[in-house]
Amino acid sequence: MPQVEINIPEHLEMQIAQLVEQGEFLNREEAIEDLLATGLKAYKTSGPTDEDEEPGFEEEDGMMGHDDEYVF
């Protein structure tokens, strides 16, 4: 798997650490990977694009409600 190095604001690092401590994720790496994938999926499904669907970004039911309503 490719590795990426990024710098994030301290408040985001603290939120990620808190999610791991609360047991939402097994570790920091899993948290960042899952949160990034969720963000990309939300970004891709947030509006029409001229690009064709790329493999690995299929829509799953449950992420979005009606129109632009987010479902948590």
C-alpha atoms as a PDB file:
ATOM      1  CA  MET A   1       0.000   0.000   0.000  1.00  0.00           C
ATOM      2  CA  PRO A   2       1.391   3.452  -0.857  1.00  0.00           C
ATOM      3  CA  GLN A   3       2.413   5.626   2.067  1.00  0.00           C
ATOM      4  CA  VAL A   4       1.589   9.325   2.334  1.00  0.00           C
ATOM      5  CA  GLU A   5       2.999  11.842   4.782  1.00  0.00           C
ATOM      6  CA  ILE A   6       0.847  14.844   5.709  1.00  0.00           C
ATOM      7  CA  ASN A   7       0.843  17.625   8.266  1.00  0.00           C
ATOM      8  CA  ILE A   8      -2.482  18.233  10.001  1.00  0.00           C
ATOM      9  CA  PRO A   9      -3.554  20.834  12.543  1.00  0.00           C
ATOM     10  CA  GLU A  10      -3.193  19.873  16.198  1.00  0.00           C
ATOM     11  CA  HIS A  11      -6.966  19.921  16.768  1.00  0.00           C
ATOM     12  CA  LEU A  12      -7.472  17.243  14.086  1.00  0.00           C
ATOM     13  CA  GLU A  13      -4.726  15.082  15.585  1.00  0.00           C
ATOM     14  CA  MET A  14      -6.411  15.391  18.975  1.00  0.00           C
ATOM     15  CA  GLN A  15      -9.793  14.374  17.525  1.00  0.00           C
ATOM     16  CA  ILE A  16      -8.254  11.328  15.827  1.00  0.00           C
ATOM     17  CA  ALA A  17      -6.467  10.317  19.040  1.00  0.00           C
ATOM     18  CA  GLN A  18      -9.722  10.684  20.973  1.00  0.00           C
ATOM     19  CA  LEU A  19     -11.585   8.425  18.498  1.00  0.00           C
ATOM     20  CA  VAL A  20      -8.880   5.773  18.898  1.00  0.00           C
ATOM     21  CA  GLU A  21      -8.971   6.068  22.715  1.00  0.00           C
ATOM     22  CA  GLN A  22     -12.772   5.682  22.655  1.00  0.00           C
ATOM     23  CA  GLY A  23     -12.408   2.452  20.696  1.00  0.00           C
ATOM     24  CA  GLU A  24     -13.931   3.743  17.459  1.00  0.00           C
ATOM     25  CA  PHE A  25     -10.796   2.541  15.638  1.00  0.00           C
ATOM     26  CA  LEU A  26      -8.134  -0.023  16.497  1.00  0.00           C
ATOM     27  CA  ASN A  27      -5.271   2.404  15.933  1.00  0.00           C
ATOM     28  CA  ARG A  28      -4.310   5.778  14.455  1.00  0.00           C
ATOM     29  CA  GLU A  29      -3.471   4.320  11.035  1.00  0.00           C
ATOM     30  CA  GLU A  30      -6.887   2.655  10.711  1.00  0.00           C
ATOM     31  CA  ALA A  31      -8.627   5.842  11.861  1.00  0.00           C
ATOM     32  CA  ILE A  32      -6.882   8.028   9.299  1.00  0.00           C
ATOM     33  CA  GLU A  33      -7.422   5.506   6.491  1.00  0.00           C
ATOM     34  CA  ASP A  34     -11.147   5.101   7.257  1.00  0.00           C
ATOM     35  CA  LEU A  35     -11.773   8.817   7.774  1.00  0.00           C
ATOM     36  CA  LEU A  36      -9.960   9.695   4.547  1.00  0.00           C
ATOM     37  CA  ALA A  37     -11.916   7.076   2.578  1.00  0.00           C
ATOM     38  CA  THR A  38     -15.199   8.345   4.047  1.00  0.00           C
ATOM     39  CA  GLY A  39     -14.283  11.929   3.203  1.00  0.00           C
ATOM     40  CA  LEU A  40     -13.368  11.032  -0.366  1.00  0.00           C
ATOM     41  CA  LYS A  41     -16.607   9.126  -0.814  1.00  0.00           C
ATOM     42  CA  ALA A  42     -18.625  12.068   0.543  1.00  0.00           C
ATOM     43  CA  TYR A  43     -16.731  14.492  -1.691  1.00  0.00           C
ATOM     44  CA  LYS A  44     -17.248  12.338  -4.766  1.00  0.00           C
ATOM     45  CA  THR A  45     -20.988  11.882  -4.110  1.00  0.00           C
ATOM     46  CA  SER A  46     -21.645  15.512  -3.162  1.00  0.00           C
ATOM     47  CA  GLY A  47     -22.311  16.696  -6.688  1.00  0.00           C
ATOM     48  CA  PRO A  48     -22.306  15.929 -10.391  1.00  0.00           C
ATOM     49  CA  THR A  49     -18.980  15.414 -12.136  1.00  0.00           C
ATOM     50  CA  ASP A  50     -17.988  15.045 -15.762  1.00  0.00           C
ATOM     51  CA  GLU A  51     -15.643  12.183 -14.962  1.00  0.00           C
ATOM     52  CA  ASP A  52     -16.619   8.530 -15.217  1.00  0.00           C
ATOM     53  CA  GLU A  53     -16.816   6.451 -12.058  1.00  0.00           C
ATOM     54  CA  GLU A  54     -13.438   5.099 -11.010  1.00  0.00           C
ATOM     55  CA  PRO A  55     -13.088   1.555  -9.648  1.00  0.00           C
ATOM     56  CA  GLY A  56     -13.177   1.381  -5.860  1.00  0.00           C
ATOM     57  CA  PHE A  57     -15.509   4.337  -5.389  1.00  0.00           C
ATOM     58  CA  GLU A  58     -18.870   2.644  -5.759  1.00  0.00           C
ATOM     59  CA  GLU A  59     -21.728   4.256  -3.877  1.00  0.00           C
ATOM     60  CA  GLU A  60     -23.101   2.457  -0.865  1.00  0.00           C
ATOM     61  CA  ASP A  61     -26.556   3.112   0.529  1.00  0.00           C
ATOM     62  CA  GLY A  62     -26.667   4.789   3.912  1.00  0.00           C
ATOM     63  CA  MET A  63     -24.017   7.492   3.451  1.00  0.00           C
ATOM     64  CA  MET A  64     -26.379  10.143   2.157  1.00  0.00           C
ATOM     65  CA  GLY A  65     -30.058  10.792   2.806  1.00  0.00           C
ATOM     66  CA  HIS A  66     -32.323  12.667   0.446  1.00  0.00           C
ATOM     67  CA  ASP A  67     -30.624  15.313  -1.708  1.00  0.00           C
ATOM     68  CA  ASP A  68     -27.790  16.834   0.372  1.00  0.00           C
ATOM     69  CA  GLU A  69     -28.953  15.489   3.749  1.00  0.00           C
ATOM     70  CA  TYR A  70     -26.200  13.682   5.660  1.00  0.00           C
ATOM     71  CA  VAL A  71     -27.220  10.604   7.623  1.00  0.00           C
ATOM     72  CA  PHE A  72     -25.210   9.639  10.714  1.00  0.00           C
END
